[in-house]
Amino acid sequence: MPSRHVILKQVPKGTVIHEEKPFIHVLQSDLRAIRCDHCYLKTELLRCSGCAYVRYCDISCQKAEWPDHKKECSRIRNIPPSLELPNAARLLAKIIIKLKRGGDAEKGIYGKQSFRMFKDLMSHYPDIKSDSKRVEHATSLYGVLIDFLGKDNLPNFPEFLGIYGRMIVNGFSILDGEMTTLGTGIYLGASTIDHSCTPNSVAVFSGTTLSIRTIEDISEYDWSKVRISYVDGLSKREERQAELWSTYYFICDCKRCSEEENIETVAVCQACNSVVYSNQMVCSKCNWKAPDAFIEKYKEAIEFCNLQHQEMKNVAYLDACKLCLKKEEGVIHPDSLVHAKTLDLAFEAAIQLNSWELAMKLGYELIPAYRKFYGEWHPLSGLHLMKLGKILLYLGNANYLEILEQAEKIMRVIYGTRHQAYRHMLEPLLLQARGLSGRIAG
């Protein structure tokens, strides 16, 4: 069965309300040497005897993937070893091949009795067609697929553009327990779930199987009210809106987007340390009015930090983070998103440099920021506490068990106790921490 859903009136947080296998999926090409092309497990692998391009755990995974791999297998064999088939081209090829062999009749079940087929997915054809960058990308991929599959095996370009649009707008990044992208999948049922920057549910993956789990108690459950976030919660409103428009062609009007503009970059009141909104520069608590010199200092700090954050999009540098923190001190409020982003980058940079004492300090400061911008019941909030607990355990800090147990509460809700993130990442740390705590108490 391609999908499973739950019908309930009252839903407590941590409930799996939807479970689904992908209509089609593709493992990232840079992972094909270390992960199974079917289940994405990282283990010793066997090459496909036909193309020697993809690898599998065992014969059962190879057999399970064969219906989707059979047609591409002979085509991949013709690709020179020096060339790499783009991930998007391979995903499109697999979609086209599947549709030709009857996949257009496959149904993704959702809600009570509803279903969706591939043709029902939103293609945003007019938006794609008027987006020059998208058309250029689609044209390039069409050229690649002519060489790969042959023009006779492809739909005409307008029809192809509709398939391309459905892939772009409805694709899910398939993530591991550490929220690292492993591949991309199309999930027909789950594609009906709308976005909110303050979601009530989250998508998690076990291999390529997608589960939608609630992250808050829902008193009157209705599938149409289920929301997940399509974007990073630690991004500014303008960044979230830009990403949503460029990928999904809509502007979010959720509560957070409606209220957040002035909260993201709040300043510090120099009289009482309260929040000062950037559009007023007057403290709402004590009426302190920011002088021109402070406003200039504030603007300079915001501009500097935003620039540094942009330059550290792929790699965080501790020295740059320290400069940002210095610029922010006494100027940008600790509750601001700008400060949270700096802390997040600094924390990761400190870990990379094995600066454990600093990482511990930054990790503690990040806890309220993650709760505020991601929400308490979010995978990244749980993973952050797990990382911090691991650091505390390494340093011999007495609070390691308390932090790891906080992580456990969140990860139990997000993943459940059978997920590899819980069993293989968190549980060994908890066992070690409880064992050590017991020995100390004894």
Protein backbone atom coordinates (compact mmCIF):
# COMPACT_ATOMS: atom_id res chain seq x y z
CA MET A 1 0.00 0.00 0.00
CA PRO A 2 1.54 3.36 -1.02
CA SER A 3 0.27 5.38 1.93
CA ARG A 4 -1.41 5.12 5.34
CA HIS A 5 -3.35 7.77 7.21
CA VAL A 6 -4.93 8.05 10.64
CA ILE A 7 -8.52 9.18 11.26
CA LEU A 8 -8.92 10.65 14.76
CA LYS A 9 -10.93 13.40 16.42
CA GLN A 10 -8.42 14.38 19.10
CA VAL A 11 -4.75 14.01 18.26
CA PRO A 12 -2.00 14.36 20.88
CA LYS A 13 1.42 15.59 19.80
CA GLY A 14 3.68 12.83 18.56
CA THR A 15 0.90 11.05 16.64
CA VAL A 16 1.69 9.68 13.18
CA ILE A 17 -1.24 10.99 11.12
CA HIS A 18 0.11 9.99 7.71
CA GLU A 19 2.66 7.54 6.36
CA GLU A 20 3.63 7.14 2.72
CA LYS A 21 6.10 5.54 0.35
CA PRO A 22 7.36 7.79 -2.46
CA PHE A 23 5.76 7.83 -5.90
CA ILE A 24 9.34 8.21 -7.12
CA HIS A 25 12.62 9.18 -5.49
CA VAL A 26 16.29 9.78 -6.28
CA LEU A 27 19.30 9.48 -3.98
CA GLN A 28 21.76 12.37 -4.28
CA SER A 29 24.48 11.40 -6.74
CA ASP A 30 27.31 12.24 -4.33
CA LEU A 31 25.95 9.61 -1.90
CA ARG A 32 25.48 6.72 -4.35
CA ALA A 33 28.82 5.11 -3.41
CA ILE A 34 27.94 4.94 0.30
CA ARG A 35 24.13 4.57 0.49
CA CYS A 36 21.66 2.07 -0.91
CA ASP A 37 19.76 3.48 -3.89
CA HIS A 38 16.51 1.99 -2.58
CA CYS A 39 16.42 2.32 1.22
CA TYR A 40 19.22 4.92 1.65
CA LEU A 41 20.94 2.83 4.34
CA LYS A 42 24.64 3.56 4.80
CA THR A 43 26.32 0.14 4.74
CA GLU A 44 28.43 -2.17 2.59
CA LEU A 45 26.89 -2.13 -0.86
CA LEU A 46 26.66 -4.25 -4.00
CA ARG A 47 26.83 -2.60 -7.43
CA CYS A 48 23.99 -3.05 -9.89
CA SER A 49 25.30 -5.71 -12.29
CA GLY A 50 23.62 -3.92 -15.19
CA CYS A 51 24.86 -0.33 -14.94
CA ALA A 52 27.40 -0.48 -12.08
CA TYR A 53 26.21 3.07 -11.29
CA VAL A 54 23.80 2.48 -8.40
CA ARG A 55 24.39 0.28 -5.37
CA TYR A 56 22.14 -1.72 -3.07
CA CYS A 57 22.23 -3.26 0.41
CA ASP A 58 21.22 -6.66 -0.87
CA ILE A 59 19.18 -8.49 -3.47
CA SER A 60 15.86 -7.60 -1.79
CA CYS A 61 16.50 -3.85 -2.16
CA GLN A 62 17.63 -4.38 -5.75
CA LYS A 63 14.44 -6.31 -6.58
CA ALA A 64 12.24 -3.71 -4.87
CA GLU A 65 13.84 -0.88 -6.88
CA TRP A 66 14.00 -2.77 -10.19
CA PRO A 67 10.60 -1.60 -11.59
CA ASP A 68 11.80 2.03 -11.33
CA HIS A 69 15.41 1.30 -12.28
CA LYS A 70 14.95 -1.19 -15.14
CA LYS A 71 14.47 1.32 -17.95
CA GLU A 72 17.13 3.76 -16.76
CA CYS A 73 19.66 0.98 -16.14
CA SER A 74 20.50 0.40 -19.81
CA ARG A 75 20.60 4.17 -20.44
CA ILE A 76 22.96 4.84 -17.53
CA ARG A 77 25.33 2.24 -18.98
CA ASN A 78 25.87 4.54 -21.96
CA ILE A 79 26.95 7.53 -19.83
CA PRO A 80 30.74 8.03 -19.86
CA PRO A 81 32.27 7.49 -16.38
CA SER A 82 33.57 11.08 -16.41
CA LEU A 83 30.02 12.50 -16.62
CA GLU A 84 27.45 12.69 -13.81
CA LEU A 85 23.72 12.69 -14.49
CA PRO A 86 22.21 15.70 -12.63
CA ASN A 87 19.90 14.71 -9.76
CA ALA A 88 16.99 16.69 -11.23
CA ALA A 89 17.46 15.05 -14.64
CA ARG A 90 17.45 11.57 -13.13
CA LEU A 91 14.34 12.33 -11.06
CA LEU A 92 12.53 13.65 -14.15
CA ALA A 93 13.63 10.62 -16.17
CA LYS A 94 12.26 8.27 -13.52
CA ILE A 95 8.97 10.20 -13.39
CA ILE A 96 8.57 10.07 -17.18
CA ILE A 97 9.43 6.37 -17.30
CA LYS A 98 6.97 5.57 -14.49
CA LEU A 99 4.14 7.56 -16.08
CA LYS A 100 4.67 5.63 -19.33
CA ARG A 101 4.35 2.27 -17.58
CA GLY A 102 1.05 3.11 -15.87
CA GLY A 103 2.19 5.22 -12.93
CA ASP A 104 -0.31 7.90 -13.93
CA ALA A 105 -3.01 5.71 -12.33
CA GLU A 106 -1.22 5.39 -8.97
CA LYS A 107 -3.11 6.98 -6.07
CA GLY A 108 -1.70 8.66 -2.99
CA ILE A 109 -4.27 8.39 -0.19
CA TYR A 110 -4.73 11.25 2.28
CA GLY A 111 -7.34 12.46 4.75
CA LYS A 112 -10.35 10.18 5.21
CA GLN A 113 -11.17 8.93 1.72
CA SER A 114 -9.33 11.30 -0.60
CA PHE A 115 -6.57 10.51 -3.05
CA ARG A 116 -4.29 12.34 -5.46
CA MET A 117 -2.62 11.17 -8.66
CA PHE A 118 0.42 12.68 -10.35
CA LYS A 119 -1.72 14.65 -12.80
CA ASP A 120 -3.50 16.28 -9.83
CA LEU A 121 -0.30 17.84 -8.47
CA MET A 122 0.01 21.60 -8.85
CA SER A 123 2.35 22.40 -11.75
CA HIS A 124 2.15 26.22 -11.55
CA TYR A 125 2.53 26.10 -15.32
CA PRO A 126 1.81 29.83 -15.94
CA ASP A 127 4.26 30.84 -13.18
CA ILE A 128 6.96 28.45 -14.42
CA LYS A 129 6.47 29.57 -18.03
CA SER A 130 6.87 33.25 -17.10
CA ASP A 131 9.93 32.57 -14.90
CA SER A 132 12.95 32.89 -17.21
CA LYS A 133 15.31 31.10 -14.80
CA ARG A 134 12.94 28.15 -14.47
CA VAL A 135 12.41 27.92 -18.24
CA GLU A 136 16.17 28.04 -18.79
CA HIS A 137 16.67 25.26 -16.21
CA ALA A 138 13.89 23.14 -17.72
CA THR A 139 15.28 23.64 -21.24
CA SER A 140 18.72 22.54 -20.08
CA LEU A 141 17.29 19.42 -18.41
CA TYR A 142 15.23 18.63 -21.50
CA GLY A 143 18.44 18.66 -23.53
CA VAL A 144 20.12 16.32 -21.05
CA LEU A 145 17.13 13.95 -21.20
CA ILE A 146 17.13 13.91 -25.01
CA ASP A 147 20.67 12.52 -24.81
CA PHE A 148 19.78 10.19 -21.92
CA LEU A 149 16.39 8.74 -22.92
CA GLY A 150 16.10 9.73 -26.58
CA LYS A 151 13.68 12.32 -27.92
CA ASP A 152 11.11 9.67 -28.91
CA ASN A 153 10.77 8.68 -25.25
CA LEU A 154 10.08 12.23 -24.05
CA PRO A 155 6.83 14.22 -24.05
CA ASN A 156 6.75 17.46 -26.04
CA PHE A 157 8.28 20.46 -24.28
CA PRO A 158 5.03 22.08 -23.01
CA GLU A 159 3.98 18.74 -21.46
CA PHE A 160 7.48 18.27 -20.08
CA LEU A 161 7.31 21.75 -18.52
CA GLY A 162 4.18 20.65 -16.65
CA ILE A 163 5.99 17.57 -15.32
CA TYR A 164 8.98 19.73 -14.40
CA GLY A 165 6.70 22.14 -12.51
CA ARG A 166 5.08 19.30 -10.57
CA MET A 167 8.52 18.02 -9.59
CA ILE A 168 9.78 21.45 -8.47
CA VAL A 169 6.69 22.46 -6.51
CA ASN A 170 5.89 19.09 -4.92
CA GLY A 171 9.30 17.57 -4.23
CA PHE A 172 10.25 16.69 -0.63
CA SER A 173 13.86 16.69 0.53
CA ILE A 174 14.39 13.23 2.06
CA LEU A 175 16.28 13.78 5.32
CA ASP A 176 18.18 11.57 7.73
CA GLY A 177 17.95 11.79 11.51
CA GLU A 178 20.42 14.69 11.57
CA MET A 179 18.26 16.66 9.10
CA THR A 180 20.81 16.20 6.30
CA THR A 181 19.40 15.89 2.78
CA LEU A 182 19.86 12.43 1.26
CA GLY A 183 17.63 12.70 -1.78
CA THR A 184 14.38 13.99 -3.26
CA GLY A 185 11.01 12.28 -3.42
CA ILE A 186 7.50 12.88 -4.76
CA TYR A 187 4.79 11.94 -2.23
CA LEU A 188 1.34 12.21 -3.79
CA GLY A 189 -0.74 12.25 -0.60
CA ALA A 190 1.57 14.39 1.51
CA SER A 191 1.82 16.96 -1.30
CA THR A 192 -1.63 18.19 -0.26
CA ILE A 193 -0.28 19.52 3.06
CA ASP A 194 0.02 23.30 3.14
CA HIS A 195 2.78 25.42 4.66
CA SER A 196 2.96 27.51 7.81
CA CYS A 197 5.99 29.12 9.47
CA THR A 198 4.35 27.99 12.74
CA PRO A 199 3.41 24.41 11.79
CA ASN A 200 1.42 21.92 13.84
CA SER A 201 3.12 18.90 12.24
CA VAL A 202 6.48 17.83 10.87
CA ALA A 203 7.67 15.50 8.10
CA VAL A 204 10.26 12.92 9.15
CA PHE A 205 11.76 10.05 7.17
CA SER A 206 12.78 6.48 7.84
CA GLY A 207 14.74 5.66 4.72
CA THR A 208 12.44 6.91 1.98
CA THR A 209 9.21 6.37 3.97
CA LEU A 210 7.67 9.70 4.95
CA SER A 211 5.75 10.14 8.20
CA ILE A 212 3.76 13.21 9.19
CA ARG A 213 3.78 13.56 12.99
CA THR A 214 1.90 16.16 15.02
CA ILE A 215 4.02 18.51 17.14
CA GLU A 216 1.14 19.98 19.12
CA ASP A 217 -2.09 18.63 20.60
CA ILE A 218 -4.93 19.03 18.08
CA SER A 219 -8.37 19.04 19.73
CA GLU A 220 -10.43 18.85 16.52
CA TYR A 221 -8.35 17.05 13.93
CA ASP A 222 -8.98 17.90 10.28
CA TRP A 223 -6.57 16.97 7.47
CA SER A 224 -7.14 20.33 5.78
CA LYS A 225 -5.73 22.08 8.88
CA VAL A 226 -2.47 20.09 8.98
CA ARG A 227 0.52 22.35 8.36
CA ILE A 228 4.23 21.70 7.91
CA SER A 229 7.00 24.21 7.27
CA TYR A 230 8.60 24.29 3.82
CA VAL A 231 11.42 26.63 4.91
CA ASP A 232 14.02 27.12 7.64
CA GLY A 233 12.51 28.70 10.75
CA LEU A 234 15.80 30.45 11.51
CA SER A 235 15.50 32.56 8.36
CA LYS A 236 14.23 36.13 8.30
CA ARG A 237 10.71 36.78 7.08
CA GLU A 238 11.92 38.34 3.81
CA GLU A 239 14.16 35.29 3.19
CA ARG A 240 11.33 32.85 3.91
CA GLN A 241 8.94 34.76 1.67
CA ALA A 242 11.51 34.93 -1.14
CA GLU A 243 12.14 31.18 -0.95
CA LEU A 244 8.44 30.36 -0.84
CA TRP A 245 7.73 32.54 -3.86
CA SER A 246 10.72 31.38 -5.95
CA THR A 247 9.97 27.69 -5.31
CA TYR A 248 6.23 27.41 -4.61
CA TYR A 249 4.84 30.68 -6.00
CA PHE A 250 2.92 31.89 -2.97
CA ILE A 251 3.37 34.42 -0.17
CA CYS A 252 2.86 33.16 3.37
CA ASP A 253 0.33 35.05 5.50
CA CYS A 254 0.66 32.96 8.68
CA LYS A 255 0.63 34.63 12.10
CA ARG A 256 4.42 34.67 12.37
CA CYS A 257 4.84 36.35 8.98
CA SER A 258 2.15 38.91 9.84
CA GLU A 259 3.70 39.90 13.17
CA GLU A 260 7.41 39.24 12.87
CA GLU A 261 8.89 42.02 10.76
CA ASN A 262 9.95 44.20 13.69
CA ILE A 263 10.86 41.35 16.06
CA GLU A 264 13.61 39.94 13.85
CA THR A 265 15.99 42.87 14.30
CA VAL A 266 15.02 44.38 17.66
CA ALA A 267 17.52 46.62 19.46
CA VAL A 268 18.35 46.82 23.18
CA CYS A 269 16.98 49.67 25.29
CA GLN A 270 19.97 51.44 26.83
CA ALA A 271 17.94 52.37 29.92
CA CYS A 272 16.15 49.13 30.89
CA ASN A 273 17.42 46.43 28.46
CA SER A 274 13.94 45.86 27.04
CA VAL A 275 13.11 45.32 23.38
CA VAL A 276 13.20 48.37 21.09
CA TYR A 277 11.45 47.87 17.75
CA SER A 278 13.45 49.00 14.74
CA ASN A 279 10.53 50.82 13.10
CA GLN A 280 10.05 53.09 16.15
CA MET A 281 13.36 53.16 18.04
CA VAL A 282 11.46 54.04 21.23
CA CYS A 283 11.28 51.66 24.19
CA SER A 284 7.67 50.64 24.81
CA LYS A 285 8.47 49.93 28.46
CA CYS A 286 10.32 53.05 29.67
CA ASN A 287 9.95 55.40 26.64
CA TRP A 288 13.72 55.68 26.12
CA LYS A 289 14.26 57.21 22.68
CA ALA A 290 17.29 56.06 20.71
CA PRO A 291 19.63 58.93 19.78
CA ASP A 292 20.94 59.25 16.23
CA ALA A 293 24.37 57.91 17.21
CA PHE A 294 22.82 54.70 18.58
CA ILE A 295 20.61 54.29 15.51
CA GLU A 296 23.68 54.50 13.26
CA LYS A 297 25.52 51.97 15.43
CA TYR A 298 22.51 49.67 15.29
CA LYS A 299 22.18 49.92 11.50
CA GLU A 300 25.89 49.24 11.08
CA ALA A 301 25.65 46.14 13.30
CA ILE A 302 22.62 44.77 11.43
CA GLU A 303 24.23 45.36 8.03
CA PHE A 304 27.53 43.79 9.13
CA CYS A 305 25.89 40.71 10.66
CA ASN A 306 23.55 40.12 7.71
CA LEU A 307 26.53 40.26 5.33
CA GLN A 308 28.56 37.84 7.45
CA HIS A 309 25.61 35.44 7.74
CA GLN A 310 25.25 35.44 3.96
CA GLU A 311 28.95 34.74 3.45
CA MET A 312 28.78 31.88 5.97
CA LYS A 313 25.84 30.18 4.27
CA ASN A 314 27.86 27.03 3.60
CA VAL A 315 30.70 27.20 6.14
CA ALA A 316 30.71 28.95 9.53
CA TYR A 317 33.89 30.73 10.66
CA LEU A 318 34.37 31.27 14.37
CA ASP A 319 36.40 34.49 14.00
CA ALA A 320 33.64 36.05 11.87
CA CYS A 321 31.01 34.92 14.37
CA LYS A 322 32.95 36.49 17.24
CA LEU A 323 33.08 39.79 15.32
CA CYS A 324 29.30 39.62 14.85
CA LEU A 325 28.74 38.93 18.55
CA LYS A 326 30.93 41.89 19.44
CA LYS A 327 28.97 44.18 17.08
CA GLU A 328 25.68 42.92 18.55
CA GLU A 329 26.65 43.32 22.21
CA GLY A 330 24.57 46.03 23.88
CA VAL A 331 23.00 47.00 20.54
CA ILE A 332 20.98 44.09 19.13
CA HIS A 333 18.61 42.43 21.56
CA PRO A 334 19.34 38.79 22.55
CA ASP A 335 15.76 37.88 21.52
CA SER A 336 16.34 38.96 17.91
CA LEU A 337 16.58 36.50 15.05
CA VAL A 338 19.85 38.12 13.93
CA HIS A 339 21.47 37.23 17.26
CA ALA A 340 20.01 33.70 17.14
CA LYS A 341 21.51 33.18 13.68
CA THR A 342 24.93 34.35 14.89
CA LEU A 343 24.78 32.00 17.88
CA ASP A 344 23.79 29.10 15.63
CA LEU A 345 26.73 29.69 13.29
CA ALA A 346 29.15 30.23 16.18
CA PHE A 347 27.99 27.02 17.88
CA GLU A 348 28.63 24.93 14.75
CA ALA A 349 32.00 26.64 14.15
CA ALA A 350 33.09 25.98 17.75
CA ILE A 351 32.21 22.29 17.37
CA GLN A 352 34.22 22.04 14.15
CA LEU A 353 37.24 23.50 15.95
CA ASN A 354 36.75 21.26 19.03
CA SER A 355 36.33 24.38 21.18
CA TRP A 356 34.12 22.49 23.61
CA GLU A 357 33.94 25.02 26.47
CA LEU A 358 32.86 27.75 24.06
CA ALA A 359 30.45 25.37 22.31
CA MET A 360 28.87 24.57 25.70
CA LYS A 361 28.37 28.27 26.47
CA LEU A 362 26.91 29.01 23.03
CA GLY A 363 24.77 25.87 23.17
CA TYR A 364 23.07 27.03 26.36
CA GLU A 365 22.45 30.50 24.89
CA LEU A 366 20.87 28.89 21.81
CA ILE A 367 18.22 26.91 23.70
CA PRO A 368 15.68 29.78 24.05
CA ALA A 369 16.44 30.96 20.50
CA TYR A 370 15.62 27.54 19.04
CA ARG A 371 12.43 27.33 21.09
CA LYS A 372 11.38 30.76 19.86
CA PHE A 373 12.13 30.42 16.15
CA TYR A 374 11.78 26.67 15.54
CA GLY A 375 9.37 25.84 18.33
CA GLU A 376 10.00 23.50 21.25
CA TRP A 377 8.74 20.41 19.42
CA HIS A 378 10.95 20.55 16.35
CA PRO A 379 13.61 18.10 15.13
CA LEU A 380 16.33 20.75 15.27
CA SER A 381 15.40 21.73 18.84
CA GLY A 382 15.76 18.10 19.91
CA LEU A 383 18.98 17.58 17.95
CA HIS A 384 20.46 20.75 19.44
CA LEU A 385 19.82 19.53 22.99
CA MET A 386 21.29 16.15 22.08
CA LYS A 387 24.46 17.81 20.73
CA LEU A 388 24.72 19.98 23.83
CA GLY A 389 24.19 16.97 26.09
CA LYS A 390 26.95 15.10 24.27
CA ILE A 391 29.31 18.05 24.79
CA LEU A 392 28.42 18.23 28.50
CA LEU A 393 29.02 14.49 28.80
CA TYR A 394 32.42 14.85 27.16
CA LEU A 395 33.36 17.75 29.45
CA GLY A 396 32.09 15.96 32.56
CA ASN A 397 29.61 18.75 33.26
CA ALA A 398 27.02 17.72 35.87
CA ASN A 399 24.06 18.85 33.73
CA TYR A 400 24.54 16.29 30.94
CA LEU A 401 21.69 14.01 32.02
CA GLU A 402 19.19 16.86 32.47
CA ILE A 403 19.87 18.18 28.94
CA LEU A 404 19.81 14.72 27.33
CA GLU A 405 16.48 13.95 29.02
CA GLN A 406 15.09 17.22 27.63
CA ALA A 407 16.28 16.07 24.20
CA GLU A 408 14.61 12.68 24.76
CA LYS A 409 11.19 14.25 25.41
CA ILE A 410 11.36 16.15 22.13
CA MET A 411 12.82 13.34 20.00
CA ARG A 412 10.26 10.86 21.35
CA VAL A 413 7.51 13.14 20.00
CA ILE A 414 9.26 13.95 16.71
CA TYR A 415 10.67 10.56 15.77
CA GLY A 416 9.18 7.97 18.11
CA THR A 417 11.33 5.41 19.91
CA ARG A 418 11.87 3.12 16.89
CA HIS A 419 13.44 5.69 14.57
CA GLN A 420 17.20 5.44 13.97
CA ALA A 421 17.67 9.01 15.25
CA TYR A 422 16.30 7.91 18.63
CA ARG A 423 17.75 4.39 18.78
CA HIS A 424 21.21 4.95 17.30
CA MET A 425 21.96 8.61 18.09
CA LEU A 426 20.17 9.51 21.33
CA GLU A 427 19.65 6.23 23.19
CA PRO A 428 23.37 5.30 23.48
CA LEU A 429 24.08 8.76 24.96
CA LEU A 430 21.23 8.36 27.45
CA LEU A 431 22.44 4.92 28.51
CA GLN A 432 25.96 6.24 28.97
CA ALA A 433 24.72 9.29 30.90
CA ARG A 434 22.40 7.28 33.17
CA GLY A 435 25.08 4.70 33.82
CA LEU A 436 27.62 7.37 34.70
CA SER A 437 25.08 9.22 36.85
CA GLY A 438 24.29 5.98 38.71
CA ARG A 439 27.96 5.30 39.40
CA ILE A 440 28.46 8.85 40.69
CA ALA A 441 25.38 8.56 42.93
CA GLY A 442 26.56 5.17 44.19
